[in-house]
Amino acid sequence: MRFRVFSFTPLSDLGQLSLSSRNFTEEVMKYIHNNDALLVIVPNIHLNSDEESSQLFVNWKTEYCWGHFRDLGVLLKRSTCLFSTKERLKEVGIILDKLKDTHSKICTTLGSDIAYSCYGKFLHSFVAGWEDDEKFKAYLAIKGASCLDDRIQQVLRSTPGSQPWYERYIRVFCREIFLDKASDLVEKDSGFAYQPIGAWRMSPKLLKLCGESVCFDVLGNKAMNGRVHELSYLGYYLGQVLGQDDIMYGKGKGMESFTSTIKQVVAVMPSNKDKTALISSLFNVWEENILSLGEGLQDDLEIVTPEEQEQVFAASIHNLTQVLRSFSRNVQ
């Protein structure tokens, strides 16, 4: 009888109900695991041939699906608030397993971009308010379950354009699942990464994911063509990305990899004049950014509090020190 009552309850209200007591939390979770919940969990996306031809109706159906998946994420977040991160992620797997056929249906009816954006809405609302280490665990779990790394490696091993399905899958998946569409900084903690991200900061993140070999090929090509100004900015932000990894994981390999790559890039430059210009330009960019951080002028960074600004400032100084130490060893 209670499951029948739940089936007429909106997802948002069901989530609120689960917060009222432990008993209600257990009942809601039992309902979610039961097949009776499919009527509530699975969105209604049936379209007839006339409706499919109406762009207005398709747009309305898209908004409906986004709202449904967003409410579903909120429901799961509230009903699992007493669970550990590992248990919460397990519940996500249970829900997504129930939505397999729905995902295929949305792909056919509304397109794959919309289908993955629905998953993105669900996951963003689910992890909203989590601590960074919890989000990182969620990120690793989602990346592993989707076989994203394997597909990226497949694309990198192939010639450009030879794996169009994989290339499109990677772009759509990363854009819709991992990038947050938050409209302002107040809402930016609802996803795995904040969007929009400046081009200078996005490219080094991609280079890091591609590995040292691809990173060197890209930077070395720019070096041999004399694109010193562009290379210095890419070098600076690449150093910040790899330095952030050192801070998160404490292994110290990120800056070692960075200095090694920069030395290789400098080595392939055709003249000593270009080599000197690159090193000088790189440190000038570093100096400008450190001064901007100290004066609070970098509005494009994801910095909300003075404490975060101080942390980024200290990290930039630390990364610069590591680079200088590495270069000074060569001079000696």
C-alpha atoms as a PDB file:
ATOM      1  CA  MET A   1       0.000   0.000   0.000  1.00  0.00           C
ATOM      2  CA  ARG A   2       2.800   2.445   0.911  1.00  0.00           C
ATOM      3  CA  PHE A   3       4.520   1.779  -2.417  1.00  0.00           C
ATOM      4  CA  ARG A   4       1.299   2.695  -4.204  1.00  0.00           C
ATOM      5  CA  VAL A   5       1.228   5.997  -2.293  1.00  0.00           C
ATOM      6  CA  PHE A   6       4.879   6.616  -3.228  1.00  0.00           C
ATOM      7  CA  SER A   7       4.045   6.058  -6.905  1.00  0.00           C
ATOM      8  CA  PHE A   8       1.763   9.131  -6.836  1.00  0.00           C
ATOM      9  CA  THR A   9       4.321  11.270  -4.982  1.00  0.00           C
ATOM     10  CA  PRO A  10       6.561  13.662  -7.006  1.00  0.00           C
ATOM     11  CA  LEU A  11      10.275  12.841  -6.855  1.00  0.00           C
ATOM     12  CA  SER A  12      11.132  16.069  -5.036  1.00  0.00           C
ATOM     13  CA  ASP A  13       8.501  15.399  -2.351  1.00  0.00           C
ATOM     14  CA  LEU A  14       9.674  11.804  -2.016  1.00  0.00           C
ATOM     15  CA  GLY A  15      13.154  13.120  -1.327  1.00  0.00           C
ATOM     16  CA  GLN A  16      11.857  15.464   1.357  1.00  0.00           C
ATOM     17  CA  LEU A  17       9.920  12.594   2.898  1.00  0.00           C
ATOM     18  CA  SER A  18      13.071  10.481   3.152  1.00  0.00           C
ATOM     19  CA  LEU A  19      14.698  13.220   5.258  1.00  0.00           C
ATOM     20  CA  SER A  20      11.949  13.214   7.877  1.00  0.00           C
ATOM     21  CA  SER A  21      13.083  10.052   9.704  1.00  0.00           C
ATOM     22  CA  ARG A  22      15.296   7.009   9.422  1.00  0.00           C
ATOM     23  CA  ASN A  23      12.250   4.778   8.981  1.00  0.00           C
ATOM     24  CA  PHE A  24      11.067   6.812   6.011  1.00  0.00           C
ATOM     25  CA  THR A  25      14.596   6.720   4.552  1.00  0.00           C
ATOM     26  CA  GLU A  26      14.576   2.933   4.698  1.00  0.00           C
ATOM     27  CA  GLU A  27      11.086   2.732   3.177  1.00  0.00           C
ATOM     28  CA  VAL A  28      12.008   5.067   0.305  1.00  0.00           C
ATOM     29  CA  MET A  29      15.171   3.073  -0.415  1.00  0.00           C
ATOM     30  CA  LYS A  30      13.163  -0.170  -0.433  1.00  0.00           C
ATOM     31  CA  TYR A  31      10.771   1.462  -2.887  1.00  0.00           C
ATOM     32  CA  ILE A  32      13.624   2.610  -5.172  1.00  0.00           C
ATOM     33  CA  HIS A  33      14.998  -0.943  -5.263  1.00  0.00           C
ATOM     34  CA  ASN A  34      11.567  -2.390  -6.036  1.00  0.00           C
ATOM     35  CA  ASN A  35      10.303  -2.751  -9.601  1.00  0.00           C
ATOM     36  CA  ASP A  36       7.221  -0.721  -8.619  1.00  0.00           C
ATOM     37  CA  ALA A  37       9.486   2.344  -8.635  1.00  0.00           C
ATOM     38  CA  LEU A  38      10.070   2.062 -12.384  1.00  0.00           C
ATOM     39  CA  LEU A  39       6.890   4.050 -13.013  1.00  0.00           C
ATOM     40  CA  VAL A  40       8.405   6.945 -11.064  1.00  0.00           C
ATOM     41  CA  ILE A  41      12.091   6.574 -11.960  1.00  0.00           C
ATOM     42  CA  VAL A  42      11.678   6.114 -15.721  1.00  0.00           C
ATOM     43  CA  PRO A  43      10.539   9.284 -17.545  1.00  0.00           C
ATOM     44  CA  ASN A  44       7.685   9.217 -20.018  1.00  0.00           C
ATOM     45  CA  ILE A  45       9.256   9.972 -23.395  1.00  0.00           C
ATOM     46  CA  HIS A  46       6.810   8.342 -25.802  1.00  0.00           C
ATOM     47  CA  LEU A  47       6.307  10.390 -28.956  1.00  0.00           C
ATOM     48  CA  ASN A  48       4.137   9.638 -31.975  1.00  0.00           C
ATOM     49  CA  SER A  49       5.261  10.424 -35.528  1.00  0.00           C
ATOM     50  CA  ASP A  50       3.447  13.791 -35.650  1.00  0.00           C
ATOM     51  CA  GLU A  51       4.914  14.917 -32.320  1.00  0.00           C
ATOM     52  CA  GLU A  52       8.443  13.877 -33.346  1.00  0.00           C
ATOM     53  CA  SER A  53       8.245  16.284 -36.277  1.00  0.00           C
ATOM     54  CA  SER A  54       7.319  19.184 -33.994  1.00  0.00           C
ATOM     55  CA  GLN A  55      10.454  20.984 -32.773  1.00  0.00           C
ATOM     56  CA  LEU A  56       8.415  22.789 -30.137  1.00  0.00           C
ATOM     57  CA  PHE A  57       7.255  19.488 -28.659  1.00  0.00           C
ATOM     58  CA  VAL A  58      10.772  18.036 -28.777  1.00  0.00           C
ATOM     59  CA  ASN A  59      12.071  21.088 -26.894  1.00  0.00           C
ATOM     60  CA  TRP A  60       9.364  20.663 -24.277  1.00  0.00           C
ATOM     61  CA  LYS A  61      10.178  16.958 -23.930  1.00  0.00           C
ATOM     62  CA  THR A  62      13.861  17.811 -23.514  1.00  0.00           C
ATOM     63  CA  GLU A  63      13.112  20.228 -20.686  1.00  0.00           C
ATOM     64  CA  TYR A  64      10.877  17.602 -19.095  1.00  0.00           C
ATOM     65  CA  CYS A  65      13.652  14.978 -19.209  1.00  0.00           C
ATOM     66  CA  TRP A  66      16.205  17.391 -17.762  1.00  0.00           C
ATOM     67  CA  GLY A  67      13.864  18.278 -14.906  1.00  0.00           C
ATOM     68  CA  HIS A  68      13.029  14.623 -14.266  1.00  0.00           C
ATOM     69  CA  PHE A  69      16.672  13.528 -14.060  1.00  0.00           C
ATOM     70  CA  ARG A  70      17.556  16.534 -11.912  1.00  0.00           C
ATOM     71  CA  ASP A  71      14.777  15.647  -9.443  1.00  0.00           C
ATOM     72  CA  LEU A  72      15.880  12.011  -9.528  1.00  0.00           C
ATOM     73  CA  GLY A  73      19.387  13.056  -8.511  1.00  0.00           C
ATOM     74  CA  VAL A  74      18.038  15.146  -5.645  1.00  0.00           C
ATOM     75  CA  LEU A  75      15.876  12.219  -4.487  1.00  0.00           C
ATOM     76  CA  LEU A  76      18.853   9.863  -4.413  1.00  0.00           C
ATOM     77  CA  LYS A  77      21.052  12.437  -2.689  1.00  0.00           C
ATOM     78  CA  ARG A  78      18.526  12.955   0.096  1.00  0.00           C
ATOM     79  CA  SER A  79      17.594   9.316   0.542  1.00  0.00           C
ATOM     80  CA  THR A  80      21.280   8.265   0.790  1.00  0.00           C
ATOM     81  CA  CYS A  81      22.503  11.159   2.949  1.00  0.00           C
ATOM     82  CA  LEU A  82      23.358   8.761   5.824  1.00  0.00           C
ATOM     83  CA  PHE A  83      25.298   6.385   3.546  1.00  0.00           C
ATOM     84  CA  SER A  84      29.044   6.288   2.979  1.00  0.00           C
ATOM     85  CA  THR A  85      30.387   7.584  -0.363  1.00  0.00           C
ATOM     86  CA  LYS A  86      31.000   4.035  -1.563  1.00  0.00           C
ATOM     87  CA  GLU A  87      27.415   3.009  -0.735  1.00  0.00           C
ATOM     88  CA  ARG A  88      25.995   6.122  -2.364  1.00  0.00           C
ATOM     89  CA  LEU A  89      27.880   5.413  -5.595  1.00  0.00           C
ATOM     90  CA  LYS A  90      26.587   1.851  -5.502  1.00  0.00           C
ATOM     91  CA  GLU A  91      23.032   3.221  -5.391  1.00  0.00           C
ATOM     92  CA  VAL A  92      23.817   5.344  -8.460  1.00  0.00           C
ATOM     93  CA  GLY A  93      24.763   2.148 -10.283  1.00  0.00           C
ATOM     94  CA  ILE A  94      21.443   0.561  -9.326  1.00  0.00           C
ATOM     95  CA  ILE A  95      19.490   3.540 -10.657  1.00  0.00           C
ATOM     96  CA  LEU A  96      21.462   3.771 -13.903  1.00  0.00           C
ATOM     97  CA  ASP A  97      20.984   0.053 -14.463  1.00  0.00           C
ATOM     98  CA  LYS A  98      17.219   0.608 -14.308  1.00  0.00           C
ATOM     99  CA  LEU A  99      17.579   3.423 -16.871  1.00  0.00           C
ATOM    100  CA  LYS A 100      19.548   1.540 -19.550  1.00  0.00           C
ATOM    101  CA  ASP A 101      16.586   1.150 -21.896  1.00  0.00           C
ATOM    102  CA  THR A 102      15.553   4.735 -21.206  1.00  0.00           C
ATOM    103  CA  HIS A 103      18.979   6.007 -22.250  1.00  0.00           C
ATOM    104  CA  SER A 104      18.715   4.184 -25.592  1.00  0.00           C
ATOM    105  CA  LYS A 105      15.197   5.515 -26.098  1.00  0.00           C
ATOM    106  CA  ILE A 106      16.260   9.115 -25.423  1.00  0.00           C
ATOM    107  CA  CYS A 107      19.195   8.693 -27.836  1.00  0.00           C
ATOM    108  CA  THR A 108      16.781   7.540 -30.541  1.00  0.00           C
ATOM    109  CA  THR A 109      14.098  10.124 -29.831  1.00  0.00           C
ATOM    110  CA  LEU A 110      15.982  13.267 -28.764  1.00  0.00           C
ATOM    111  CA  GLY A 111      19.612  12.548 -29.667  1.00  0.00           C
ATOM    112  CA  SER A 112      22.690  11.280 -27.827  1.00  0.00           C
ATOM    113  CA  ASP A 113      23.686  14.776 -26.640  1.00  0.00           C
ATOM    114  CA  ILE A 114      20.385  15.114 -24.783  1.00  0.00           C
ATOM    115  CA  ALA A 115      20.634  11.573 -23.418  1.00  0.00           C
ATOM    116  CA  TYR A 116      24.046  12.200 -21.868  1.00  0.00           C
ATOM    117  CA  SER A 117      23.023  15.650 -20.660  1.00  0.00           C
ATOM    118  CA  CYS A 118      20.192  13.931 -18.740  1.00  0.00           C
ATOM    119  CA  TYR A 119      22.764  11.739 -17.004  1.00  0.00           C
ATOM    120  CA  GLY A 120      24.759  14.902 -16.349  1.00  0.00           C
ATOM    121  CA  LYS A 121      21.760  16.614 -14.702  1.00  0.00           C
ATOM    122  CA  PHE A 122      21.203  13.528 -12.557  1.00  0.00           C
ATOM    123  CA  LEU A 123      24.829  13.269 -11.419  1.00  0.00           C
ATOM    124  CA  HIS A 124      25.335  17.017 -10.886  1.00  0.00           C
ATOM    125  CA  SER A 125      22.300  17.285  -8.622  1.00  0.00           C
ATOM    126  CA  PHE A 126      23.380  14.094  -6.833  1.00  0.00           C
ATOM    127  CA  VAL A 127      26.900  15.323  -5.940  1.00  0.00           C
ATOM    128  CA  ALA A 128      25.923  18.954  -5.239  1.00  0.00           C
ATOM    129  CA  GLY A 129      27.366  19.963  -1.877  1.00  0.00           C
ATOM    130  CA  TRP A 130      29.810  17.058  -1.639  1.00  0.00           C
ATOM    131  CA  GLU A 131      33.387  17.589  -0.468  1.00  0.00           C
ATOM    132  CA  ASP A 132      36.076  17.640  -3.176  1.00  0.00           C
ATOM    133  CA  ASP A 133      37.524  14.264  -2.143  1.00  0.00           C
ATOM    134  CA  GLU A 134      34.050  12.703  -2.371  1.00  0.00           C
ATOM    135  CA  LYS A 135      33.520  14.201  -5.821  1.00  0.00           C
ATOM    136  CA  PHE A 136      36.883  12.843  -6.893  1.00  0.00           C
ATOM    137  CA  LYS A 137      35.812   9.336  -5.844  1.00  0.00           C
ATOM    138  CA  ALA A 138      32.596   9.789  -7.822  1.00  0.00           C
ATOM    139  CA  TYR A 139      34.583  11.008 -10.828  1.00  0.00           C
ATOM    140  CA  LEU A 140      36.855   7.946 -10.718  1.00  0.00           C
ATOM    141  CA  ALA A 141      33.877   5.593 -10.359  1.00  0.00           C
ATOM    142  CA  ILE A 142      32.021   7.132 -13.315  1.00  0.00           C
ATOM    143  CA  LYS A 143      35.148   7.233 -15.482  1.00  0.00           C
ATOM    144  CA  GLY A 144      35.882   3.587 -14.710  1.00  0.00           C
ATOM    145  CA  ALA A 145      32.329   2.390 -15.344  1.00  0.00           C
ATOM    146  CA  SER A 146      32.187   4.194 -18.704  1.00  0.00           C
ATOM    147  CA  CYS A 147      35.540   2.786 -19.940  1.00  0.00           C
ATOM    148  CA  LEU A 148      36.447   6.371 -20.843  1.00  0.00           C
ATOM    149  CA  ASP A 149      40.207   5.854 -20.467  1.00  0.00           C
ATOM    150  CA  ASP A 150      40.173   2.868 -22.813  1.00  0.00           C
ATOM    151  CA  ARG A 151      38.279   4.824 -25.447  1.00  0.00           C
ATOM    152  CA  ILE A 152      40.608   7.811 -25.152  1.00  0.00           C
ATOM    153  CA  GLN A 153      43.578   5.494 -25.619  1.00  0.00           C
ATOM    154  CA  GLN A 154      41.859   3.955 -28.656  1.00  0.00           C
ATOM    155  CA  VAL A 155      41.512   7.409 -30.240  1.00  0.00           C
ATOM    156  CA  LEU A 156      45.093   8.435 -29.397  1.00  0.00           C
ATOM    157  CA  ARG A 157      46.494   5.269 -30.966  1.00  0.00           C
ATOM    158  CA  SER A 158      44.525   5.817 -34.179  1.00  0.00           C
ATOM    159  CA  THR A 159      44.992   8.328 -36.980  1.00  0.00           C
ATOM    160  CA  PRO A 160      42.832  11.501 -36.687  1.00  0.00           C
ATOM    161  CA  GLY A 161      39.298  10.912 -37.960  1.00  0.00           C
ATOM    162  CA  SER A 162      39.578   7.129 -38.144  1.00  0.00           C
ATOM    163  CA  GLN A 163      37.499   6.597 -34.985  1.00  0.00           C
ATOM    164  CA  PRO A 164      34.623   9.117 -35.395  1.00  0.00           C
ATOM    165  CA  TRP A 165      32.250   7.288 -33.020  1.00  0.00           C
ATOM    166  CA  TYR A 166      34.798   7.183 -30.203  1.00  0.00           C
ATOM    167  CA  GLU A 167      35.841  10.812 -30.792  1.00  0.00           C
ATOM    168  CA  ARG A 168      32.251  12.006 -30.615  1.00  0.00           C
ATOM    169  CA  TYR A 169      31.511   9.816 -27.583  1.00  0.00           C
ATOM    170  CA  ILE A 170      34.474  11.271 -25.659  1.00  0.00           C
ATOM    171  CA  ARG A 171      33.526  14.868 -26.486  1.00  0.00           C
ATOM    172  CA  VAL A 172      29.852  14.432 -25.616  1.00  0.00           C
ATOM    173  CA  PHE A 173      30.495  12.361 -22.478  1.00  0.00           C
ATOM    174  CA  CYS A 174      33.062  14.751 -20.991  1.00  0.00           C
ATOM    175  CA  ARG A 175      31.041  17.842 -21.877  1.00  0.00           C
ATOM    176  CA  GLU A 176      27.709  16.605 -20.567  1.00  0.00           C
ATOM    177  CA  ILE A 177      28.819  14.455 -17.601  1.00  0.00           C
ATOM    178  CA  PHE A 178      31.906  16.112 -16.138  1.00  0.00           C
ATOM    179  CA  LEU A 179      31.474  19.794 -17.011  1.00  0.00           C
ATOM    180  CA  ASP A 180      29.056  21.725 -14.839  1.00  0.00           C
ATOM    181  CA  LYS A 181      26.626  24.067 -16.590  1.00  0.00           C
ATOM    182  CA  ALA A 182      26.248  26.260 -13.482  1.00  0.00           C
ATOM    183  CA  SER A 183      25.336  29.815 -14.419  1.00  0.00           C
ATOM    184  CA  ASP A 184      27.269  31.484 -11.596  1.00  0.00           C
ATOM    185  CA  LEU A 185      29.852  30.878  -8.877  1.00  0.00           C
ATOM    186  CA  VAL A 186      27.176  30.328  -6.241  1.00  0.00           C
ATOM    187  CA  GLU A 187      26.068  27.144  -8.038  1.00  0.00           C
ATOM    188  CA  LYS A 188      29.505  26.028  -9.224  1.00  0.00           C
ATOM    189  CA  ASP A 189      29.872  23.252  -6.620  1.00  0.00           C
ATOM    190  CA  SER A 190      27.095  21.173  -8.182  1.00  0.00           C
ATOM    191  CA  GLY A 191      29.365  19.342 -10.645  1.00  0.00           C
ATOM    192  CA  PHE A 192      32.803  17.839 -11.222  1.00  0.00           C
ATOM    193  CA  ALA A 193      34.260  20.870 -13.005  1.00  0.00           C
ATOM    194  CA  TYR A 194      33.087  24.441 -13.498  1.00  0.00           C
ATOM    195  CA  GLN A 195      32.255  25.730 -16.957  1.00  0.00           C
ATOM    196  CA  PRO A 196      33.139  27.940 -18.748  1.00  0.00           C
ATOM    197  CA  ILE A 197      36.892  27.390 -18.453  1.00  0.00           C
ATOM    198  CA  GLY A 198      39.302  29.688 -20.273  1.00  0.00           C
ATOM    199  CA  ALA A 199      41.065  28.250 -23.325  1.00  0.00           C
ATOM    200  CA  TRP A 200      44.494  28.758 -21.791  1.00  0.00           C
ATOM    201  CA  ARG A 201      43.497  26.607 -18.819  1.00  0.00           C
ATOM    202  CA  MET A 202      41.609  23.979 -20.800  1.00  0.00           C
ATOM    203  CA  SER A 203      44.353  23.080 -23.292  1.00  0.00           C
ATOM    204  CA  PRO A 204      46.985  22.119 -20.661  1.00  0.00           C
ATOM    205  CA  LYS A 205      44.444  19.887 -18.903  1.00  0.00           C
ATOM    206  CA  LEU A 206      43.889  18.071 -22.187  1.00  0.00           C
ATOM    207  CA  LEU A 207      47.646  17.806 -22.785  1.00  0.00           C
ATOM    208  CA  LYS A 208      48.131  16.304 -19.333  1.00  0.00           C
ATOM    209  CA  LEU A 209      45.477  13.663 -20.024  1.00  0.00           C
ATOM    210  CA  CYS A 210      47.103  12.810 -23.358  1.00  0.00           C
ATOM    211  CA  GLY A 211      50.431  11.932 -21.692  1.00  0.00           C
ATOM    212  CA  GLU A 212      54.012  13.181 -21.933  1.00  0.00           C
ATOM    213  CA  SER A 213      54.646  11.927 -25.471  1.00  0.00           C
ATOM    214  CA  VAL A 214      51.656  13.708 -27.036  1.00  0.00           C
ATOM    215  CA  CYS A 215      52.269  16.776 -24.850  1.00  0.00           C
ATOM    216  CA  PHE A 216      55.867  17.045 -26.118  1.00  0.00           C
ATOM    217  CA  ASP A 217      54.778  16.576 -29.747  1.00  0.00           C
ATOM    218  CA  VAL A 218      52.308  19.468 -29.469  1.00  0.00           C
ATOM    219  CA  LEU A 219      54.627  21.849 -27.586  1.00  0.00           C
ATOM    220  CA  GLY A 220      57.672  20.860 -29.681  1.00  0.00           C
ATOM    221  CA  ASN A 221      55.794  21.631 -32.892  1.00  0.00           C
ATOM    222  CA  LYS A 222      54.974  25.116 -31.602  1.00  0.00           C
ATOM    223  CA  ALA A 223      58.594  25.599 -30.500  1.00  0.00           C
ATOM    224  CA  MET A 224      60.030  24.661 -33.909  1.00  0.00           C
ATOM    225  CA  ASN A 225      57.622  27.126 -35.561  1.00  0.00           C
ATOM    226  CA  GLY A 226      58.698  29.989 -33.299  1.00  0.00           C
ATOM    227  CA  ARG A 227      55.373  30.431 -31.470  1.00  0.00           C
ATOM    228  CA  VAL A 228      57.124  31.564 -28.282  1.00  0.00           C
ATOM    229  CA  HIS A 229      54.328  33.754 -26.878  1.00  0.00           C
ATOM    230  CA  GLU A 230      51.673  31.016 -27.163  1.00  0.00           C
ATOM    231  CA  LEU A 231      54.116  28.416 -25.859  1.00  0.00           C
ATOM    232  CA  SER A 232      54.952  30.450 -22.763  1.00  0.00           C
ATOM    233  CA  TYR A 233      51.296  30.699 -21.737  1.00  0.00           C
ATOM    234  CA  LEU A 234      50.683  27.023 -22.405  1.00  0.00           C
ATOM    235  CA  GLY A 235      53.814  26.219 -20.394  1.00  0.00           C
ATOM    236  CA  TYR A 236      52.699  28.295 -17.432  1.00  0.00           C
ATOM    237  CA  TYR A 237      49.231  26.753 -17.209  1.00  0.00           C
ATOM    238  CA  LEU A 238      50.613  23.264 -17.807  1.00  0.00           C
ATOM    239  CA  GLY A 239      52.892  23.847 -14.812  1.00  0.00           C
ATOM    240  CA  GLN A 240      49.903  24.873 -12.689  1.00  0.00           C
ATOM    241  CA  VAL A 241      47.910  21.788 -13.710  1.00  0.00           C
ATOM    242  CA  LEU A 242      50.761  19.369 -12.977  1.00  0.00           C
ATOM    243  CA  GLY A 243      51.670  21.234  -9.801  1.00  0.00           C
ATOM    244  CA  GLN A 244      48.081  20.872  -8.592  1.00  0.00           C
ATOM    245  CA  ASP A 245      48.399  17.104  -9.067  1.00  0.00           C
ATOM    246  CA  ASP A 246      51.483  17.154  -6.828  1.00  0.00           C
ATOM    247  CA  ILE A 247      49.533  18.962  -4.126  1.00  0.00           C
ATOM    248  CA  MET A 248      46.584  16.538  -4.378  1.00  0.00           C
ATOM    249  CA  TYR A 249      48.584  13.302  -4.508  1.00  0.00           C
ATOM    250  CA  GLY A 250      51.842  14.347  -2.827  1.00  0.00           C
ATOM    251  CA  LYS A 251      54.104  12.378  -5.198  1.00  0.00           C
ATOM    252  CA  GLY A 252      56.099  15.279  -6.667  1.00  0.00           C
ATOM    253  CA  LYS A 253      56.071  13.705 -10.144  1.00  0.00           C
ATOM    254  CA  GLY A 254      54.012  16.436 -11.797  1.00  0.00           C
ATOM    255  CA  MET A 255      56.625  19.206 -11.688  1.00  0.00           C
ATOM    256  CA  GLU A 256      59.381  16.733 -12.568  1.00  0.00           C
ATOM    257  CA  SER A 257      57.410  15.828 -15.688  1.00  0.00           C
ATOM    258  CA  PHE A 258      56.837  19.523 -16.444  1.00  0.00           C
ATOM    259  CA  THR A 259      60.493  20.542 -16.210  1.00  0.00           C
ATOM    260  CA  SER A 260      61.530  17.492 -18.240  1.00  0.00           C
ATOM    261  CA  THR A 261      59.050  18.415 -20.992  1.00  0.00           C
ATOM    262  CA  ILE A 262      60.171  22.069 -21.044  1.00  0.00           C
ATOM    263  CA  LYS A 263      63.823  21.007 -21.336  1.00  0.00           C
ATOM    264  CA  GLN A 264      62.962  18.751 -24.273  1.00  0.00           C
ATOM    265  CA  VAL A 265      61.023  21.575 -25.933  1.00  0.00           C
ATOM    266  CA  VAL A 266      63.912  24.008 -25.465  1.00  0.00           C
ATOM    267  CA  ALA A 267      66.319  21.437 -26.911  1.00  0.00           C
ATOM    268  CA  VAL A 268      64.441  21.221 -30.243  1.00  0.00           C
ATOM    269  CA  MET A 269      64.338  24.982 -30.798  1.00  0.00           C
ATOM    270  CA  PRO A 270      66.484  25.989 -33.775  1.00  0.00           C
ATOM    271  CA  SER A 271      68.534  28.841 -32.248  1.00  0.00           C
ATOM    272  CA  ASN A 272      69.896  29.983 -28.886  1.00  0.00           C
ATOM    273  CA  LYS A 273      68.012  33.249 -29.342  1.00  0.00           C
ATOM    274  CA  ASP A 274      64.676  31.396 -29.476  1.00  0.00           C
ATOM    275  CA  LYS A 275      65.635  29.273 -26.480  1.00  0.00           C
ATOM    276  CA  THR A 276      66.464  32.350 -24.402  1.00  0.00           C
ATOM    277  CA  ALA A 277      63.262  34.086 -25.556  1.00  0.00           C
ATOM    278  CA  LEU A 278      61.122  31.110 -24.509  1.00  0.00           C
ATOM    279  CA  ILE A 279      62.656  30.774 -21.032  1.00  0.00           C
ATOM    280  CA  SER A 280      62.424  34.532 -20.471  1.00  0.00           C
ATOM    281  CA  SER A 281      58.825  34.695 -21.716  1.00  0.00           C
ATOM    282  CA  LEU A 282      57.786  31.713 -19.579  1.00  0.00           C
ATOM    283  CA  PHE A 283      59.097  33.319 -16.389  1.00  0.00           C
ATOM    284  CA  ASN A 284      57.564  36.683 -17.359  1.00  0.00           C
ATOM    285  CA  VAL A 285      54.133  35.047 -17.706  1.00  0.00           C
ATOM    286  CA  TRP A 286      54.666  33.335 -14.361  1.00  0.00           C
ATOM    287  CA  GLU A 287      55.587  36.650 -12.735  1.00  0.00           C
ATOM    288  CA  GLU A 288      52.550  38.427 -14.209  1.00  0.00           C
ATOM    289  CA  ASN A 289      50.179  35.771 -12.925  1.00  0.00           C
ATOM    290  CA  ILE A 290      51.715  35.704  -9.452  1.00  0.00           C
ATOM    291  CA  LEU A 291      51.394  39.489  -9.201  1.00  0.00           C
ATOM    292  CA  SER A 292      47.794  39.290 -10.458  1.00  0.00           C
ATOM    293  CA  LEU A 293      47.011  36.667  -7.827  1.00  0.00           C
ATOM    294  CA  GLY A 294      48.541  38.831  -5.113  1.00  0.00           C
ATOM    295  CA  GLU A 295      46.407  41.779  -6.214  1.00  0.00           C
ATOM    296  CA  GLY A 296      43.256  39.675  -6.686  1.00  0.00           C
ATOM    297  CA  LEU A 297      42.948  40.526 -10.392  1.00  0.00           C
ATOM    298  CA  GLN A 298      42.384  37.071 -11.889  1.00  0.00           C
ATOM    299  CA  ASP A 299      38.610  36.987 -12.247  1.00  0.00           C
ATOM    300  CA  ASP A 300      38.622  33.900 -14.484  1.00  0.00           C
ATOM    301  CA  LEU A 301      39.828  31.566 -11.732  1.00  0.00           C
ATOM    302  CA  GLU A 302      37.473  29.466  -9.627  1.00  0.00           C
ATOM    303  CA  ILE A 303      38.373  31.435  -6.487  1.00  0.00           C
ATOM    304  CA  VAL A 304      35.557  32.434  -4.164  1.00  0.00           C
ATOM    305  CA  THR A 305      37.153  33.041  -0.762  1.00  0.00           C
ATOM    306  CA  PRO A 306      40.387  34.785   0.331  1.00  0.00           C
ATOM    307  CA  GLU A 307      41.593  31.428   1.692  1.00  0.00           C
ATOM    308  CA  GLU A 308      41.290  29.832  -1.764  1.00  0.00           C
ATOM    309  CA  GLN A 309      43.116  32.773  -3.329  1.00  0.00           C
ATOM    310  CA  GLU A 310      45.919  32.383  -0.787  1.00  0.00           C
ATOM    311  CA  GLN A 311      46.177  28.662  -1.562  1.00  0.00           C
ATOM    312  CA  VAL A 312      46.442  29.276  -5.333  1.00  0.00           C
ATOM    313  CA  PHE A 313      49.022  32.029  -4.736  1.00  0.00           C
ATOM    314  CA  ALA A 314      51.132  29.741  -2.519  1.00  0.00           C
ATOM    315  CA  ALA A 315      50.861  26.878  -5.030  1.00  0.00           C
ATOM    316  CA  SER A 316      52.037  29.111  -7.883  1.00  0.00           C
ATOM    317  CA  ILE A 317      55.054  30.274  -5.853  1.00  0.00           C
ATOM    318  CA  HIS A 318      55.842  26.667  -4.924  1.00  0.00           C
ATOM    319  CA  ASN A 319      55.647  25.516  -8.561  1.00  0.00           C
ATOM    320  CA  LEU A 320      57.929  28.344  -9.685  1.00  0.00           C
ATOM    321  CA  THR A 321      60.453  27.398  -6.998  1.00  0.00           C
ATOM    322  CA  GLN A 322      60.460  23.794  -8.201  1.00  0.00           C
ATOM    323  CA  VAL A 323      61.089  24.873 -11.787  1.00  0.00           C
ATOM    324  CA  LEU A 324      63.884  27.261 -10.798  1.00  0.00           C
ATOM    325  CA  ARG A 325      65.541  24.553  -8.700  1.00  0.00           C
ATOM    326  CA  SER A 326      65.476  22.144 -11.631  1.00  0.00           C
ATOM    327  CA  PHE A 327      66.925  24.677 -14.075  1.00  0.00           C
ATOM    328  CA  SER A 328      69.610  25.780 -11.595  1.00  0.00           C
ATOM    329  CA  ARG A 329      70.880  22.189 -11.362  1.00  0.00           C
ATOM    330  CA  ASN A 330      71.571  22.207 -15.085  1.00  0.00           C
ATOM    331  CA  VAL A 331      73.427  25.504 -14.824  1.00  0.00           C
ATOM    332  CA  GLN A 332      75.622  24.095 -12.038  1.00  0.00           C
END
